[in-house]
């Protein structure tokens, strides 16, 4: 049997922004895309949130792949089950470094921070809040679940300090009504404060709901 080892190496991560990256920023949104998306495309879904003093930052998952065979459109992923623990550490470190980079660019000691995860990105923002150096003021889980129960048991103390909002479309084929009820029950079982917003739509973002979230 071969021996398998790991070696931490530096690499170049990518992110996209909407808004002016300067010292006028007071409201920062870190938004994590779903499976197979790219940051530059995903961040455009937040065009309705453009406002003076608000910055939308979309980090991109560190794994990219062809969406159709061996050529054509490319997407990104946050992680798979392979080398799972190391990928979690890498992505938490990436998001920490990116947020501190944004702080340095905006020259702020602290910003109002919303962390939004869409689909696969919901687990990423939860893991960042649980294991990273940064504590968001609010987490929005859109069309995706909390962490698995085994991870929640160790993360509940950190996550219980943060207000959560769950957003799901009534026609989301990935989140059926029974599954949503079970997921909401999980929030209660782990003592996580939360609100639930539903909208008439599928597995996608919704501009009206985004504006509602920004107004809170």
Protein backbone atom coordinates (compact mmCIF):
# COMPACT_ATOMS: atom_id res chain seq x y z
CA UNK A 1 0.00 0.00 0.00
CA UNK A 2 1.31 3.50 -0.79
CA UNK A 3 1.85 6.11 1.89
CA UNK A 4 -0.11 9.33 1.46
CA UNK A 5 1.03 12.69 2.86
CA UNK A 6 -0.08 16.31 2.79
CA UNK A 7 1.98 19.43 2.23
CA UNK A 8 0.55 22.97 2.72
CA UNK A 9 1.47 25.15 -0.27
CA UNK A 10 0.70 28.76 -1.21
CA UNK A 11 -1.76 29.23 -4.04
CA UNK A 12 -3.66 32.05 -5.72
CA UNK A 13 -7.35 32.40 -4.82
CA UNK A 14 -9.86 34.44 -6.79
CA UNK A 15 -12.73 36.70 -5.74
CA UNK A 16 -15.08 39.21 -7.37
CA UNK A 17 -16.66 42.37 -5.99
CA UNK A 18 -19.54 44.77 -6.56
CA UNK A 19 -19.17 48.25 -5.12
CA UNK A 20 -16.29 50.58 -4.44
CA UNK A 21 -13.46 49.06 -2.43
CA UNK A 22 -12.43 52.09 -0.37
CA UNK A 23 -12.86 53.67 3.07
CA UNK A 24 -16.51 54.56 2.38
CA UNK A 25 -17.53 50.93 2.94
CA UNK A 26 -19.56 50.25 6.08
CA UNK A 27 -21.64 47.24 5.04
CA UNK A 28 -19.87 44.15 3.70
CA UNK A 29 -21.49 41.02 2.28
CA UNK A 30 -19.37 37.90 1.81
CA UNK A 31 -21.34 35.68 -0.56
CA UNK A 32 -20.37 32.08 -1.29
CA UNK A 33 -21.60 30.56 -4.53
CA UNK A 34 -23.15 27.17 -5.17
CA UNK A 35 -21.74 24.10 -6.88
CA UNK A 36 -20.38 24.69 -10.37
CA UNK A 37 -20.61 28.50 -10.28
CA UNK A 38 -17.89 31.12 -10.67
CA UNK A 39 -17.49 34.18 -8.46
CA UNK A 40 -17.65 36.78 -11.26
CA UNK A 41 -20.99 35.41 -12.49
CA UNK A 42 -22.42 34.82 -9.02
CA UNK A 43 -21.69 38.32 -7.73
CA UNK A 44 -23.77 39.83 -10.54
CA UNK A 45 -26.84 38.26 -8.91
CA UNK A 46 -26.43 40.90 -6.19
CA UNK A 47 -26.72 43.90 -8.48
CA UNK A 48 -29.94 44.92 -6.72
CA UNK A 49 -27.95 45.51 -3.51
CA UNK A 50 -25.63 48.14 -4.96
CA UNK A 51 -25.64 51.14 -2.62
CA UNK A 52 -23.17 53.72 -1.31
CA UNK A 53 -21.13 52.23 1.51
CA UNK A 54 -21.97 48.61 0.64
CA UNK A 55 -19.49 46.10 -0.77
CA UNK A 56 -20.40 42.64 -2.08
CA UNK A 57 -17.47 40.19 -2.05
CA UNK A 58 -17.76 36.81 -3.76
CA UNK A 59 -14.89 34.39 -3.02
CA UNK A 60 -14.49 31.51 -5.46
CA UNK A 61 -14.11 27.87 -4.42
CA UNK A 62 -10.55 26.64 -4.79
CA UNK A 63 -11.45 23.68 -7.01
CA UNK A 64 -12.39 24.34 -10.66
CA UNK A 65 -13.57 21.85 -13.26
CA UNK A 66 -15.17 21.59 -16.69
CA UNK A 67 -18.94 21.44 -16.39
CA UNK A 68 -19.36 19.39 -19.56
CA UNK A 69 -16.74 16.76 -20.21
CA UNK A 70 -13.21 17.96 -20.93
CA UNK A 71 -13.87 21.43 -22.37
CA UNK A 72 -16.38 24.26 -22.43
CA UNK A 73 -17.78 26.18 -19.44
CA UNK A 74 -15.88 26.01 -16.15
CA UNK A 75 -17.34 26.00 -12.64
CA UNK A 76 -15.94 25.92 -9.12
CA UNK A 77 -16.64 23.80 -6.06
CA UNK A 78 -15.95 24.32 -2.37
CA UNK A 79 -15.16 20.73 -1.52
CA UNK A 80 -15.87 17.05 -2.01
CA UNK A 81 -15.58 14.15 0.42
CA UNK A 82 -11.96 13.62 -0.71
CA UNK A 83 -9.39 15.16 1.69
CA UNK A 84 -12.38 16.81 3.34
CA UNK A 85 -10.72 18.00 6.55
CA UNK A 86 -7.87 19.68 4.72
CA UNK A 87 -10.20 21.39 2.26
CA UNK A 88 -12.25 22.81 5.14
CA UNK A 89 -9.08 24.21 6.72
CA UNK A 90 -7.97 25.67 3.37
CA UNK A 91 -11.30 27.40 2.72
CA UNK A 92 -11.64 28.78 6.26
CA UNK A 93 -8.12 30.19 5.94
CA UNK A 94 -8.97 31.65 2.53
CA UNK A 95 -12.07 33.44 3.83
CA UNK A 96 -10.23 34.76 6.89
CA UNK A 97 -7.42 36.11 4.70
CA UNK A 98 -9.88 37.63 2.23
CA UNK A 99 -11.84 39.44 4.94
CA UNK A 100 -8.66 40.88 6.50
CA UNK A 101 -7.58 41.94 3.00
CA UNK A 102 -10.89 43.78 2.59
CA UNK A 103 -10.46 45.42 5.99
CA UNK A 104 -7.02 46.68 4.96
CA UNK A 105 -8.40 48.07 1.69
CA UNK A 106 -11.33 49.82 3.39
CA UNK A 107 -9.24 51.04 6.32
CA UNK A 108 -11.97 50.02 8.75
CA UNK A 109 -11.49 48.45 12.16
CA UNK A 110 -14.69 46.52 11.61
CA UNK A 111 -17.57 46.34 9.17
CA UNK A 112 -21.14 45.19 9.47
CA UNK A 113 -20.70 41.72 7.99
CA UNK A 114 -23.31 39.50 6.39
CA UNK A 115 -22.14 36.06 5.28
CA UNK A 116 -24.47 34.53 2.69
CA UNK A 117 -24.14 31.01 1.36
CA UNK A 118 -26.13 29.73 -1.59
CA UNK A 119 -26.68 25.98 -2.05
CA UNK A 120 -23.30 24.29 -1.52
CA UNK A 121 -22.00 27.58 -0.13
CA UNK A 122 -24.20 27.36 2.99
CA UNK A 123 -21.88 24.82 4.62
CA UNK A 124 -18.88 26.97 3.72
CA UNK A 125 -20.14 30.07 5.53
CA UNK A 126 -21.16 27.99 8.56
CA UNK A 127 -17.69 26.43 8.77
CA UNK A 128 -16.08 29.85 8.40
CA UNK A 129 -18.18 31.24 11.26
CA UNK A 130 -17.50 28.19 13.42
CA UNK A 131 -13.76 27.78 12.84
CA UNK A 132 -12.47 31.07 11.46
CA UNK A 133 -11.13 34.23 13.04
CA UNK A 134 -14.09 36.35 11.90
CA UNK A 135 -17.57 36.36 13.42
CA UNK A 136 -20.27 37.58 10.99
CA UNK A 137 -23.07 39.74 12.34
CA UNK A 138 -25.56 37.65 10.38
CA UNK A 139 -25.57 34.47 8.30
CA UNK A 140 -27.99 33.85 5.45
CA UNK A 141 -28.43 30.25 4.33
CA UNK A 142 -30.11 30.26 0.93
CA UNK A 143 -31.29 26.98 -0.55
CA UNK A 144 -28.96 24.88 1.58
CA UNK A 145 -28.69 23.32 5.05
CA UNK A 146 -26.80 23.81 8.27
CA UNK A 147 -23.73 21.67 8.85
CA UNK A 148 -24.19 17.94 9.42
CA UNK A 149 -25.11 16.99 12.98
CA UNK A 150 -21.63 15.74 13.87
CA UNK A 151 -20.12 19.12 12.94
CA UNK A 152 -22.94 21.07 14.57
CA UNK A 153 -22.30 19.45 17.93
CA UNK A 154 -18.82 20.99 18.03
CA UNK A 155 -19.82 24.28 16.33
CA UNK A 156 -23.06 25.08 18.17
CA UNK A 157 -21.47 27.40 20.75
CA UNK A 158 -19.93 29.65 18.08
CA UNK A 159 -22.97 29.58 15.78
CA UNK A 160 -25.47 30.23 18.58
CA UNK A 161 -24.02 33.75 18.91
CA UNK A 162 -25.06 34.65 15.36
CA UNK A 163 -28.48 35.44 13.94
CA UNK A 164 -29.41 33.18 11.01
CA UNK A 165 -31.87 33.74 8.19
CA UNK A 166 -33.01 30.78 6.10
CA UNK A 167 -34.23 31.56 2.58
CA UNK A 168 -35.82 29.00 0.29
CA UNK A 169 -37.97 29.11 -2.80
CA UNK A 170 -41.36 27.40 -2.64
CA UNK A 171 -40.47 25.59 -5.89
CA UNK A 172 -36.91 24.67 -4.94
CA UNK A 173 -36.46 21.08 -6.11
CA UNK A 174 -33.50 20.64 -3.73
CA UNK A 175 -35.43 21.68 -0.59
CA UNK A 176 -38.87 20.10 -0.36
CA UNK A 177 -41.34 21.24 2.30
CA UNK A 178 -40.81 18.21 4.57
CA UNK A 179 -37.04 18.64 4.35
CA UNK A 180 -37.41 22.32 5.25
CA UNK A 181 -39.48 21.45 8.34
CA UNK A 182 -36.82 18.99 9.48
CA UNK A 183 -34.09 21.57 8.88
CA UNK A 184 -35.92 24.21 10.92
CA UNK A 185 -36.28 21.68 13.73
CA UNK A 186 -32.51 21.21 13.64
CA UNK A 187 -32.01 24.94 14.25
CA UNK A 188 -34.17 24.70 17.35
CA UNK A 189 -32.43 21.56 18.60
CA UNK A 190 -29.05 23.29 18.45
CA UNK A 191 -30.31 26.55 19.97
CA UNK A 192 -29.68 28.62 16.83
CA UNK A 193 -31.71 31.84 16.49
CA UNK A 194 -33.23 32.06 13.04
CA UNK A 195 -35.81 33.58 10.74
CA UNK A 196 -37.30 31.90 7.68
CA UNK A 197 -38.12 33.65 4.41
CA UNK A 198 -39.84 31.90 1.50
CA UNK A 199 -40.47 33.24 -1.98
CA UNK A 200 -42.24 32.07 -5.09
CA UNK A 201 -39.40 30.55 -7.08
CA UNK A 202 -36.94 27.72 -7.49
CA UNK A 203 -33.30 27.08 -6.62
CA UNK A 204 -32.10 30.61 -7.31
CA UNK A 205 -31.53 34.00 -5.73
CA UNK A 206 -34.32 36.55 -5.73
CA UNK A 207 -33.75 40.31 -6.02
CA UNK A 208 -36.77 41.28 -3.90
CA UNK A 209 -35.70 39.03 -1.03
CA UNK A 210 -32.13 40.37 -1.23
CA UNK A 211 -33.45 43.91 -0.89
CA UNK A 212 -35.55 42.80 2.08
CA UNK A 213 -32.48 41.33 3.73
CA UNK A 214 -30.45 44.47 3.09
CA UNK A 215 -33.14 46.62 4.71
CA UNK A 216 -33.03 44.72 8.02
